[in-house]
C-alpha atoms as a PDB file:
ATOM      1  CA  MET A   1     -18.424  35.506  13.689  1.00  0.00           C
ATOM      2  CA  SER A   2     -15.256  35.838  11.624  1.00  0.00           C
ATOM      3  CA  LEU A   3     -12.751  32.999  11.670  1.00  0.00           C
ATOM      4  CA  ASP A   4      -9.290  34.050  12.853  1.00  0.00           C
ATOM      5  CA  GLU A   5      -6.325  32.830  10.852  1.00  0.00           C
ATOM      6  CA  ALA A   6      -4.854  30.767  13.699  1.00  0.00           C
ATOM      7  CA  THR A   7      -8.037  28.726  14.076  1.00  0.00           C
ATOM      8  CA  ARG A   8      -8.429  28.431  10.307  1.00  0.00           C
ATOM      9  CA  SER A   9      -4.889  27.085  10.085  1.00  0.00           C
ATOM     10  CA  ARG A  10      -5.546  24.534  12.843  1.00  0.00           C
ATOM     11  CA  ILE A  11      -8.729  23.336  11.134  1.00  0.00           C
ATOM     12  CA  ASN A  12      -6.882  23.097   7.814  1.00  0.00           C
ATOM     13  CA  ASP A  13      -4.234  20.944   9.488  1.00  0.00           C
ATOM     14  CA  VAL A  14      -6.869  18.576  10.892  1.00  0.00           C
ATOM     15  CA  VAL A  15      -8.730  18.368   7.568  1.00  0.00           C
ATOM     16  CA  GLY A  16      -5.487  17.530   5.779  1.00  0.00           C
ATOM     17  CA  SER A  17      -4.323  14.981   8.343  1.00  0.00           C
ATOM     18  CA  ASP A  18      -6.224  12.048   6.811  1.00  0.00           C
ATOM     19  CA  ASP A  19      -8.307  11.132   3.774  1.00  0.00           C
ATOM     20  CA  VAL A  20     -11.427  10.867   5.961  1.00  0.00           C
ATOM     21  CA  VAL A  21     -11.890  13.381   8.799  1.00  0.00           C
ATOM     22  CA  LEU A  22     -14.987  13.819  10.941  1.00  0.00           C
ATOM     23  CA  PHE A  23     -15.578  16.792  13.235  1.00  0.00           C
ATOM     24  CA  MET A  24     -17.993  15.468  15.856  1.00  0.00           C
ATOM     25  CA  LYS A  25     -19.122  15.737  19.458  1.00  0.00           C
ATOM     26  CA  GLY A  26     -17.239  13.130  21.491  1.00  0.00           C
ATOM     27  CA  ASP A  27     -15.388  10.262  19.835  1.00  0.00           C
ATOM     28  CA  PRO A  28     -16.503   7.113  17.961  1.00  0.00           C
ATOM     29  CA  SER A  29     -16.477   5.030  21.135  1.00  0.00           C
ATOM     30  CA  GLN A  30     -18.526   7.615  23.076  1.00  0.00           C
ATOM     31  CA  PRO A  31     -20.434  10.009  20.799  1.00  0.00           C
ATOM     32  CA  GLN A  32     -21.958  12.912  22.723  1.00  0.00           C
ATOM     33  CA  CYS A  33     -24.920  13.504  20.399  1.00  0.00           C
ATOM     34  CA  GLY A  34     -27.217  11.305  18.345  1.00  0.00           C
ATOM     35  CA  PHE A  35     -26.168  12.865  15.036  1.00  0.00           C
ATOM     36  CA  SER A  36     -22.481  12.160  15.712  1.00  0.00           C
ATOM     37  CA  ALA A  37     -23.379   8.598  16.727  1.00  0.00           C
ATOM     38  CA  GLN A  38     -25.285   8.112  13.461  1.00  0.00           C
ATOM     39  CA  VAL A  39     -22.442   9.291  11.233  1.00  0.00           C
ATOM     40  CA  THR A  40     -19.780   7.252  13.034  1.00  0.00           C
ATOM     41  CA  ARG A  41     -22.018   4.181  12.815  1.00  0.00           C
ATOM     42  CA  LEU A  42     -22.265   4.626   9.050  1.00  0.00           C
ATOM     43  CA  LEU A  43     -18.552   5.333   8.583  1.00  0.00           C
ATOM     44  CA  ASN A  44     -17.633   2.289  10.672  1.00  0.00           C
ATOM     45  CA  GLN A  45     -19.482   0.133   8.155  1.00  0.00           C
ATOM     46  CA  VAL A  46     -17.549   1.535   5.214  1.00  0.00           C
ATOM     47  CA  VAL A  47     -13.976   2.317   6.274  1.00  0.00           C
ATOM     48  CA  PRO A  48     -11.835   0.587   8.934  1.00  0.00           C
ATOM     49  CA  ASN A  49      -9.987   3.745   9.997  1.00  0.00           C
ATOM     50  CA  TYR A  50     -10.623   7.472   9.926  1.00  0.00           C
ATOM     51  CA  THR A  51      -9.703  10.561  11.946  1.00  0.00           C
ATOM     52  CA  THR A  52     -12.091  12.362  14.282  1.00  0.00           C
ATOM     53  CA  PHE A  53     -11.871  15.670  16.129  1.00  0.00           C
ATOM     54  CA  ASP A  54     -13.938  16.228  19.272  1.00  0.00           C
ATOM     55  CA  VAL A  55     -15.254  19.786  18.977  1.00  0.00           C
ATOM     56  CA  LEU A  56     -16.368  19.682  22.624  1.00  0.00           C
ATOM     57  CA  SER A  57     -12.694  19.725  23.576  1.00  0.00           C
ATOM     58  CA  ASP A  58     -11.970  22.966  21.728  1.00  0.00           C
ATOM     59  CA  ALA A  59     -14.408  25.903  21.798  1.00  0.00           C
ATOM     60  CA  ALA A  60     -12.555  27.817  19.064  1.00  0.00           C
ATOM     61  CA  VAL A  61     -12.729  24.915  16.618  1.00  0.00           C
ATOM     62  CA  ARG A  62     -16.329  24.157  17.597  1.00  0.00           C
ATOM     63  CA  ALA A  63     -17.375  27.664  16.576  1.00  0.00           C
ATOM     64  CA  GLY A  64     -14.849  28.073  13.780  1.00  0.00           C
ATOM     65  CA  ILE A  65     -15.650  24.880  11.869  1.00  0.00           C
ATOM     66  CA  LYS A  66     -19.114  26.262  11.070  1.00  0.00           C
ATOM     67  CA  GLU A  67     -17.598  29.368   9.506  1.00  0.00           C
ATOM     68  CA  PHE A  68     -14.874  27.291   7.827  1.00  0.00           C
ATOM     69  CA  SER A  69     -17.399  25.065   6.016  1.00  0.00           C
ATOM     70  CA  GLN A  70     -20.295  27.530   5.843  1.00  0.00           C
ATOM     71  CA  TRP A  71     -22.375  24.769   7.417  1.00  0.00           C
ATOM     72  CA  PRO A  72     -24.344  25.455  10.623  1.00  0.00           C
ATOM     73  CA  THR A  73     -24.308  22.058  12.353  1.00  0.00           C
ATOM     74  CA  ILE A  74     -22.004  19.343  13.663  1.00  0.00           C
ATOM     75  CA  PRO A  75     -20.949  16.637  12.787  1.00  0.00           C
ATOM     76  CA  GLN A  76     -19.156  17.572   9.581  1.00  0.00           C
ATOM     77  CA  LEU A  77     -17.420  15.093   7.274  1.00  0.00           C
ATOM     78  CA  TYR A  78     -14.441  15.820   5.019  1.00  0.00           C
ATOM     79  CA  ILE A  79     -13.125  13.404   2.408  1.00  0.00           C
ATOM     80  CA  LYS A  80      -9.725  14.159   0.871  1.00  0.00           C
ATOM     81  CA  GLY A  81      -9.981  17.749   2.049  1.00  0.00           C
ATOM     82  CA  GLU A  82     -13.463  18.343   0.638  1.00  0.00           C
ATOM     83  CA  PHE A  83     -16.432  19.122   2.859  1.00  0.00           C
ATOM     84  CA  VAL A  84     -19.118  16.502   2.194  1.00  0.00           C
ATOM     85  CA  GLY A  85     -21.926  17.325   4.619  1.00  0.00           C
ATOM     86  CA  GLY A  86     -23.600  16.649   7.924  1.00  0.00           C
ATOM     87  CA  CYS A  87     -25.689  13.840   9.343  1.00  0.00           C
ATOM     88  CA  ASP A  88     -28.701  14.024   7.001  1.00  0.00           C
ATOM     89  CA  ILE A  89     -26.586  14.257   3.855  1.00  0.00           C
ATOM     90  CA  ILE A  90     -24.256  11.441   4.924  1.00  0.00           C
ATOM     91  CA  THR A  91     -27.221   9.210   5.773  1.00  0.00           C
ATOM     92  CA  GLU A  92     -28.781   9.843   2.360  1.00  0.00           C
ATOM     93  CA  MET A  93     -25.470   9.265   0.563  1.00  0.00           C
ATOM     94  CA  PHE A  94     -24.919   6.029   2.446  1.00  0.00           C
ATOM     95  CA  GLY A  95     -28.361   4.693   1.558  1.00  0.00           C
ATOM     96  CA  ALA A  96     -27.884   5.573  -2.121  1.00  0.00           C
ATOM     97  CA  GLY A  97     -24.349   4.158  -2.348  1.00  0.00           C
ATOM     98  CA  GLU A  98     -22.957   7.631  -3.078  1.00  0.00           C
ATOM     99  CA  LEU A  99     -20.829   7.692   0.083  1.00  0.00           C
ATOM    100  CA  HIS A 100     -19.022   4.569  -1.090  1.00  0.00           C
ATOM    101  CA  GLU A 101     -18.246   6.182  -4.436  1.00  0.00           C
ATOM    102  CA  LYS A 102     -17.008   9.322  -2.702  1.00  0.00           C
ATOM    103  CA  LEU A 103     -14.612   7.134  -0.724  1.00  0.00           C
ATOM    104  CA  GLY A 104     -13.404   5.407  -3.889  1.00  0.00           C
ATOM    105  CA  LEU A 105     -15.273   2.186  -3.103  1.00  0.00           C
ATOM    106  CA  GLU A 106     -17.694   0.150  -5.165  1.00  0.00           C
ATOM    107  CA  ARG A 107     -21.364   0.634  -4.438  1.00  0.00           C
ATOM    108  CA  PRO A 108     -22.558  -2.185  -2.188  1.00  0.00           C
ATOM    109  CA  LYS A 109     -24.226  -5.110  -3.915  1.00  0.00           C
ATOM    110  CA  ILE A 110     -27.752  -5.324  -2.588  1.00  0.00           C
ATOM    111  CA  VAL A 111     -28.125  -9.033  -1.862  1.00  0.00           C
ATOM    112  CA  THR A 112     -30.174 -10.297   1.060  1.00  0.00           C
ATOM    113  CA  PRO A 113     -27.811 -12.540   3.060  1.00  0.00           C
ATOM    114  CA  GLU A 114     -28.609 -15.974   4.424  1.00  0.00           C
ATOM    115  CA  ILE A 115     -28.280 -15.891   8.210  1.00  0.00           C
ATOM    116  CA  GLU A 116     -28.816 -18.778  10.603  1.00  0.00           C
ATOM    117  CA  ILE A 117     -30.351 -18.159  14.022  1.00  0.00           C
ATOM    118  CA  THR A 118     -30.101 -21.396  15.982  1.00  0.00           C
ATOM    119  CA  GLU A 119     -32.808 -22.911  18.169  1.00  0.00           C
ATOM    120  CA  THR A 120     -30.836 -21.959  21.274  1.00  0.00           C
ATOM    121  CA  ALA A 121     -30.352 -18.343  20.184  1.00  0.00           C
ATOM    122  CA  ALA A 122     -33.928 -17.676  19.058  1.00  0.00           C
ATOM    123  CA  PRO A 123     -35.489 -17.584  22.571  1.00  0.00           C
ATOM    124  CA  LEU A 124     -32.869 -15.067  23.750  1.00  0.00           C
ATOM    125  CA  LEU A 125     -33.613 -12.812  20.787  1.00  0.00           C
ATOM    126  CA  GLN A 126     -37.351 -13.191  21.321  1.00  0.00           C
ATOM    127  CA  ASP A 127     -36.941 -12.042  24.922  1.00  0.00           C
ATOM    128  CA  ALA A 128     -34.835  -9.107  23.770  1.00  0.00           C
ATOM    129  CA  LEU A 129     -37.440  -8.108  21.181  1.00  0.00           C
ATOM    130  CA  GLN A 130     -40.183  -8.127  23.837  1.00  0.00           C
ATOM    131  CA  GLN A 131     -38.087  -5.716  25.886  1.00  0.00           C
ATOM    132  CA  GLY A 132     -36.961  -3.617  22.916  1.00  0.00           C
ATOM    133  CA  GLY A 133     -39.808  -1.159  22.932  1.00  0.00           C
ATOM    134  CA  GLY A 134     -41.227  -2.296  19.600  1.00  0.00           C
ATOM    135  CA  GLU A 135     -38.268  -1.164  17.495  1.00  0.00           C
ATOM    136  CA  PRO A 136     -36.806  -3.653  14.969  1.00  0.00           C
ATOM    137  CA  LEU A 137     -33.632  -5.613  15.644  1.00  0.00           C
ATOM    138  CA  HIS A 138     -30.601  -4.762  13.480  1.00  0.00           C
ATOM    139  CA  LEU A 139     -27.425  -6.692  12.728  1.00  0.00           C
ATOM    140  CA  THR A 140     -24.517  -4.424  11.814  1.00  0.00           C
ATOM    141  CA  ILE A 141     -21.094  -5.688  10.716  1.00  0.00           C
ATOM    142  CA  ASP A 142     -18.566  -2.888  10.322  1.00  0.00           C
ATOM    143  CA  ALA A 143     -15.456  -2.677   8.151  1.00  0.00           C
ATOM    144  CA  ASN A 144     -13.414  -4.334  10.907  1.00  0.00           C
ATOM    145  CA  PHE A 145     -15.953  -7.193  11.087  1.00  0.00           C
ATOM    146  CA  GLN A 146     -17.156  -6.107  14.499  1.00  0.00           C
ATOM    147  CA  ASN A 147     -20.697  -7.435  14.978  1.00  0.00           C
ATOM    148  CA  THR A 148     -23.445  -5.454  16.701  1.00  0.00           C
ATOM    149  CA  LEU A 149     -27.042  -6.414  17.464  1.00  0.00           C
ATOM    150  CA  HIS A 150     -29.092  -3.350  18.351  1.00  0.00           C
ATOM    151  CA  PHE A 151     -32.579  -1.874  18.268  1.00  0.00           C
ATOM    152  CA  GLY A 152     -33.472   1.162  16.193  1.00  0.00           C
ATOM    153  CA  PRO A 153     -35.807   2.503  13.528  1.00  0.00           C
ATOM    154  CA  ALA A 154     -35.686   1.035  10.034  1.00  0.00           C
ATOM    155  CA  GLU A 155     -33.592   3.050   7.580  1.00  0.00           C
ATOM    156  CA  PRO A 156     -33.621   3.367   3.775  1.00  0.00           C
ATOM    157  CA  GLY A 157     -31.885   0.403   2.160  1.00  0.00           C
ATOM    158  CA  ASP A 158     -32.274  -1.985   5.106  1.00  0.00           C
ATOM    159  CA  LEU A 159     -32.763  -5.618   4.104  1.00  0.00           C
ATOM    160  CA  LYS A 160     -35.148  -7.904   5.983  1.00  0.00           C
ATOM    161  CA  VAL A 161     -33.845 -11.353   6.953  1.00  0.00           C
ATOM    162  CA  GLU A 162     -36.073 -14.039   8.481  1.00  0.00           C
ATOM    163  CA  SER A 163     -34.511 -16.900  10.432  1.00  0.00           C
ATOM    164  CA  GLY A 164     -35.590 -19.016  13.386  1.00  0.00           C
ATOM    165  CA  GLY A 165     -38.798 -17.036  13.713  1.00  0.00           C
ATOM    166  CA  ILE A 166     -36.804 -13.801  14.144  1.00  0.00           C
ATOM    167  CA  THR A 167     -36.757 -10.798  11.813  1.00  0.00           C
ATOM    168  CA  LEU A 168     -33.450  -8.983  11.449  1.00  0.00           C
ATOM    169  CA  LEU A 169     -32.741  -5.786   9.547  1.00  0.00           C
ATOM    170  CA  VAL A 170     -29.346  -5.654   7.838  1.00  0.00           C
ATOM    171  CA  ASP A 171     -28.058  -2.494   6.161  1.00  0.00           C
ATOM    172  CA  SER A 172     -26.757  -2.703   2.613  1.00  0.00           C
ATOM    173  CA  MET A 173     -23.069  -2.535   3.534  1.00  0.00           C
ATOM    174  CA  SER A 174     -23.338  -5.118   6.302  1.00  0.00           C
ATOM    175  CA  SER A 175     -25.180  -7.445   3.910  1.00  0.00           C
ATOM    176  CA  GLN A 176     -21.949  -8.055   2.008  1.00  0.00           C
ATOM    177  CA  ARG A 177     -20.275  -9.246   5.206  1.00  0.00           C
ATOM    178  CA  ALA A 178     -23.241 -11.135   6.654  1.00  0.00           C
ATOM    179  CA  GLN A 179     -23.625 -13.993   4.164  1.00  0.00           C
ATOM    180  CA  GLY A 180     -23.444 -17.270   6.068  1.00  0.00           C
ATOM    181  CA  VAL A 181     -23.386 -15.678   9.534  1.00  0.00           C
ATOM    182  CA  SER A 182     -24.580 -17.912  12.360  1.00  0.00           C
ATOM    183  CA  ILE A 183     -26.078 -16.528  15.574  1.00  0.00           C
ATOM    184  CA  ASP A 184     -25.927 -19.049  18.399  1.00  0.00           C
ATOM    185  CA  ALA A 185     -26.011 -19.104  22.199  1.00  0.00           C
ATOM    186  CA  VAL A 186     -23.542 -20.573  24.666  1.00  0.00           C
ATOM    187  CA  GLU A 187     -23.758 -21.178  28.378  1.00  0.00           C
ATOM    188  CA  THR A 188     -21.456 -19.182  30.642  1.00  0.00           C
ATOM    189  CA  PRO A 189     -21.176 -18.982  34.453  1.00  0.00           C
ATOM    190  CA  SER A 190     -23.351 -15.859  34.299  1.00  0.00           C
ATOM    191  CA  GLY A 191     -26.000 -17.387  32.004  1.00  0.00           C
ATOM    192  CA  SER A 192     -26.684 -17.764  28.275  1.00  0.00           C
ATOM    193  CA  ARG A 193     -24.819 -15.467  25.902  1.00  0.00           C
ATOM    194  CA  LEU A 194     -25.254 -14.849  22.179  1.00  0.00           C
ATOM    195  CA  THR A 195     -22.338 -15.552  19.860  1.00  0.00           C
ATOM    196  CA  ILE A 196     -21.909 -14.571  16.214  1.00  0.00           C
ATOM    197  CA  GLN A 197     -19.764 -16.649  13.873  1.00  0.00           C
ATOM    198  CA  ASN A 198     -18.838 -14.965  10.608  1.00  0.00           C
ATOM    199  CA  PRO A 199     -17.083 -17.044   7.927  1.00  0.00           C
ATOM    200  CA  ASN A 200     -16.264 -13.868   5.996  1.00  0.00           C
ATOM    201  CA  ALA A 201     -14.117 -12.303   8.728  1.00  0.00           C
ATOM    202  CA  PRO A 202     -10.387 -12.307   7.946  1.00  0.00           C
ATOM    203  CA  ALA A 203      -8.281 -14.702   9.969  1.00  0.00           C
ATOM    204  CA  PRO A 204      -6.727 -13.197  13.110  1.00  0.00           C
ATOM    205  CA  VAL A 205      -3.073 -12.211  13.095  1.00  0.00           C
ATOM    206  CA  ALA A 206      -0.982 -15.304  13.858  1.00  0.00           C
ATOM    207  CA  GLN A 207       1.496 -14.898  16.725  1.00  0.00           C
ATOM    208  CA  LEU A 208       4.737 -16.560  15.639  1.00  0.00           C
ATOM    209  CA  GLU A 209       7.341 -17.585  18.187  1.00  0.00           C
ATOM    210  CA  PRO A 210      10.927 -16.835  17.089  1.00  0.00           C
ATOM    211  CA  ARG A 211      11.729 -20.530  16.599  1.00  0.00           C
ATOM    212  CA  GLU A 212       8.657 -20.936  14.392  1.00  0.00           C
ATOM    213  CA  LEU A 213       9.896 -18.111  12.184  1.00  0.00           C
ATOM    214  CA  LYS A 214      13.365 -19.701  12.070  1.00  0.00           C
ATOM    215  CA  GLU A 215      11.847 -23.016  10.980  1.00  0.00           C
ATOM    216  CA  MET A 216       9.939 -21.236   8.207  1.00  0.00           C
ATOM    217  CA  MET A 217      13.230 -19.737   7.029  1.00  0.00           C
ATOM    218  CA  ASP A 218      15.022 -23.083   7.210  1.00  0.00           C
ATOM    219  CA  ARG A 219      12.280 -24.692   5.109  1.00  0.00           C
ATOM    220  CA  GLN A 220      12.663 -21.803   2.649  1.00  0.00           C
ATOM    221  CA  GLU A 221       8.959 -21.097   2.772  1.00  0.00           C
ATOM    222  CA  ALA A 222       7.704 -18.199   0.678  1.00  0.00           C
ATOM    223  CA  PHE A 223       6.798 -15.173   2.785  1.00  0.00           C
ATOM    224  CA  GLU A 224       7.574 -11.483   3.258  1.00  0.00           C
ATOM    225  CA  LEU A 225       9.378 -10.498   6.487  1.00  0.00           C
ATOM    226  CA  ILE A 226       8.675  -6.820   7.138  1.00  0.00           C
ATOM    227  CA  ASP A 227      10.486  -4.750   9.768  1.00  0.00           C
ATOM    228  CA  VAL A 228       8.406  -1.750  10.929  1.00  0.00           C
ATOM    229  CA  ARG A 229      11.068  -0.096  13.116  1.00  0.00           C
ATOM    230  CA  THR A 230      12.939   3.109  12.358  1.00  0.00           C
ATOM    231  CA  GLU A 231      16.060   3.367  10.198  1.00  0.00           C
ATOM    232  CA  GLU A 232      18.064   4.140  13.333  1.00  0.00           C
ATOM    233  CA  GLU A 233      16.887   0.910  14.981  1.00  0.00           C
ATOM    234  CA  TRP A 234      17.550  -1.021  11.775  1.00  0.00           C
ATOM    235  CA  SER A 235      21.150   0.197  11.783  1.00  0.00           C
ATOM    236  CA  LYS A 236      21.596  -1.196  15.296  1.00  0.00           C
ATOM    237  CA  ALA A 237      20.242  -4.659  14.556  1.00  0.00           C
ATOM    238  CA  HIS A 238      18.104  -6.463  11.998  1.00  0.00           C
ATOM    239  CA  ILE A 239      17.130  -9.970  10.968  1.00  0.00           C
ATOM    240  CA  GLU A 240      18.745 -11.283   7.811  1.00  0.00           C
ATOM    241  CA  GLY A 241      16.224 -11.199   4.959  1.00  0.00           C
ATOM    242  CA  ALA A 242      13.874  -8.677   6.575  1.00  0.00           C
ATOM    243  CA  LYS A 243      12.783  -5.589   4.637  1.00  0.00           C
ATOM    244  CA  LEU A 244      12.464  -2.205   6.312  1.00  0.00           C
ATOM    245  CA  LEU A 245       8.979  -0.787   5.772  1.00  0.00           C
ATOM    246  CA  ASP A 246       8.735   2.561   3.996  1.00  0.00           C
ATOM    247  CA  ALA A 247       6.109   4.205   1.804  1.00  0.00           C
ATOM    248  CA  GLU A 248       7.361   2.507  -1.373  1.00  0.00           C
ATOM    249  CA  LEU A 249       7.380  -0.953   0.218  1.00  0.00           C
ATOM    250  CA  ALA A 250       3.954  -0.381   1.774  1.00  0.00           C
ATOM    251  CA  GLY A 251       2.568   0.462  -1.668  1.00  0.00           C
ATOM    252  CA  HIS A 252       4.142  -2.695  -3.091  1.00  0.00           C
ATOM    253  CA  LEU A 253       2.704  -4.882  -0.338  1.00  0.00           C
ATOM    254  CA  GLU A 254      -0.796  -3.482  -0.835  1.00  0.00           C
ATOM    255  CA  GLN A 255      -0.699  -4.655  -4.474  1.00  0.00           C
ATOM    256  CA  LEU A 256       0.211  -8.252  -3.599  1.00  0.00           C
ATOM    257  CA  PRO A 257      -2.388 -11.056  -3.705  1.00  0.00           C
ATOM    258  CA  LYS A 258      -4.478 -11.058  -0.548  1.00  0.00           C
ATOM    259  CA  ASP A 259      -3.321 -14.568   0.400  1.00  0.00           C
ATOM    260  CA  THR A 260       0.380 -13.573   0.405  1.00  0.00           C
ATOM    261  CA  ARG A 261       2.024 -14.632   3.646  1.00  0.00           C
ATOM    262  CA  ILE A 262       3.444 -11.576   5.426  1.00  0.00           C
ATOM    263  CA  VAL A 263       5.191 -11.565   8.802  1.00  0.00           C
ATOM    264  CA  PHE A 264       5.746  -8.253  10.602  1.00  0.00           C
ATOM    265  CA  GLN A 265       8.344  -7.589  13.281  1.00  0.00           C
ATOM    266  CA  CYS A 266       9.553  -4.696  15.418  1.00  0.00           C
ATOM    267  CA  HIS A 267      11.511  -4.346  18.666  1.00  0.00           C
ATOM    268  CA  HIS A 268       9.140  -6.128  21.059  1.00  0.00           C
ATOM    269  CA  GLY A 269       6.070  -6.917  18.930  1.00  0.00           C
ATOM    270  CA  GLY A 270       3.716  -4.005  19.615  1.00  0.00           C
ATOM    271  CA  ARG A 271       4.251  -1.820  16.558  1.00  0.00           C
ATOM    272  CA  SER A 272       4.367  -4.838  14.279  1.00  0.00           C
ATOM    273  CA  GLN A 273       1.050  -6.064  15.701  1.00  0.00           C
ATOM    274  CA  ALA A 274      -0.534  -2.730  14.738  1.00  0.00           C
ATOM    275  CA  ALA A 275       0.921  -2.964  11.222  1.00  0.00           C
ATOM    276  CA  ALA A 276      -0.282  -6.556  10.902  1.00  0.00           C
ATOM    277  CA  GLU A 277      -3.794  -5.541  11.958  1.00  0.00           C
ATOM    278  CA  HIS A 278      -3.793  -2.797   9.328  1.00  0.00           C
ATOM    279  CA  PHE A 279      -3.055  -5.280   6.552  1.00  0.00           C
ATOM    280  CA  ARG A 280      -5.513  -7.822   7.966  1.00  0.00           C
ATOM    281  CA  GLN A 281      -8.242  -5.168   7.852  1.00  0.00           C
ATOM    282  CA  ALA A 282      -7.228  -4.416   4.260  1.00  0.00           C
ATOM    283  CA  GLY A 283      -8.237  -7.982   3.374  1.00  0.00           C
ATOM    284  CA  PHE A 284      -4.980  -9.919   3.692  1.00  0.00           C
ATOM    285  CA  THR A 285      -5.688 -13.409   5.003  1.00  0.00           C
ATOM    286  CA  ASN A 286      -2.268 -14.832   5.920  1.00  0.00           C
ATOM    287  CA  ILE A 287      -0.703 -12.332   8.311  1.00  0.00           C
ATOM    288  CA  GLY A 288       1.734 -13.049  11.156  1.00  0.00           C
ATOM    289  CA  ASN A 289       3.463 -11.096  13.911  1.00  0.00           C
ATOM    290  CA  LEU A 290       6.799 -12.028  15.465  1.00  0.00           C
ATOM    291  CA  ALA A 291       5.996 -12.420  19.163  1.00  0.00           C
ATOM    292  CA  GLY A 292       8.547 -10.550  21.268  1.00  0.00           C
ATOM    293  CA  GLY A 293      10.055  -8.895  18.209  1.00  0.00           C
ATOM    294  CA  ILE A 294      13.732  -8.803  17.334  1.00  0.00           C
ATOM    295  CA  ASP A 295      14.601  -8.799  21.033  1.00  0.00           C
ATOM    296  CA  ALA A 296      13.098 -12.280  21.423  1.00  0.00           C
ATOM    297  CA  TRP A 297      14.774 -13.355  18.187  1.00  0.00           C
ATOM    298  CA  SER A 298      18.148 -12.333  19.627  1.00  0.00           C
ATOM    299  CA  THR A 299      17.631 -14.175  22.933  1.00  0.00           C
ATOM    300  CA  GLU A 300      15.990 -17.322  21.528  1.00  0.00           C
ATOM    301  CA  VAL A 301      17.385 -17.828  18.020  1.00  0.00           C
ATOM    302  CA  ASP A 302      20.404 -15.725  17.036  1.00  0.00           C
ATOM    303  CA  SER A 303      22.496 -14.159  19.780  1.00  0.00           C
ATOM    304  CA  SER A 304      24.705 -12.491  17.165  1.00  0.00           C
ATOM    305  CA  VAL A 305      21.902  -9.992  16.597  1.00  0.00           C
ATOM    306  CA  PRO A 306      22.615  -7.130  19.052  1.00  0.00           C
ATOM    307  CA  ARG A 307      20.071  -6.266  21.714  1.00  0.00           C
ATOM    308  CA  TYR A 308      19.326  -2.616  22.510  1.00  0.00           C
END
């Protein structure tokens, strides 16, 4: 079938909306086919954020994307506007390190990590393996340091880790994040539960009360105070010393040492939390968010700052 210009334009807009765009069935949290699930699983290990389009929600795009790319199947991955391939190609590229290069990342260093499985965790994993249908147990740690234990077939590049009498398979990208991981078990009201402690995970975003921020200012501590509101909001009220975030400032911040202390603030704390999480996922280790935002600052610290 021929691709009408309206649909072509819509697909072009989606492809250009982000550096990494995946046309798939469903969404990353609920893929609606095994091939889409496979590609999102691989992407999650490499990049913390990317854009997806659910072709099941739009029949015109579902049919048109195949004509657009001259590729007969879905999912389809685009990187910086260029069609890269479908599930088989992405899987091969991931295993060879080529996907990382395509994304502007270094090829993963293939080093088998040291992982501790405690005496209390081992019996739980043994029970799970007996019920797992004979498939090997995998540990996956994605770009957001979300840990997943799951069963599935071995894949090219998987590393075998032995600990506590248990064999784990760790993919090459997860191996960089898995060094020193400890798998333990804790007792809960509903029974024993596995826990995973990862010393490589970036510290969570610190929630700073307004008076804590004021004390930091009074002590003249070194930190960046970044306001993520709009220019219109800034003109209504702002905290002395804060910098309004724009593209130029964002680029500057991204070049700072990863241990730079950065505190984000907005109106009530929601938008700034999202910005703080973005920089935490980019590897910054000393990130804070002003709890309650400038509104709390006005009510608890400086009433001369107007509320709106």
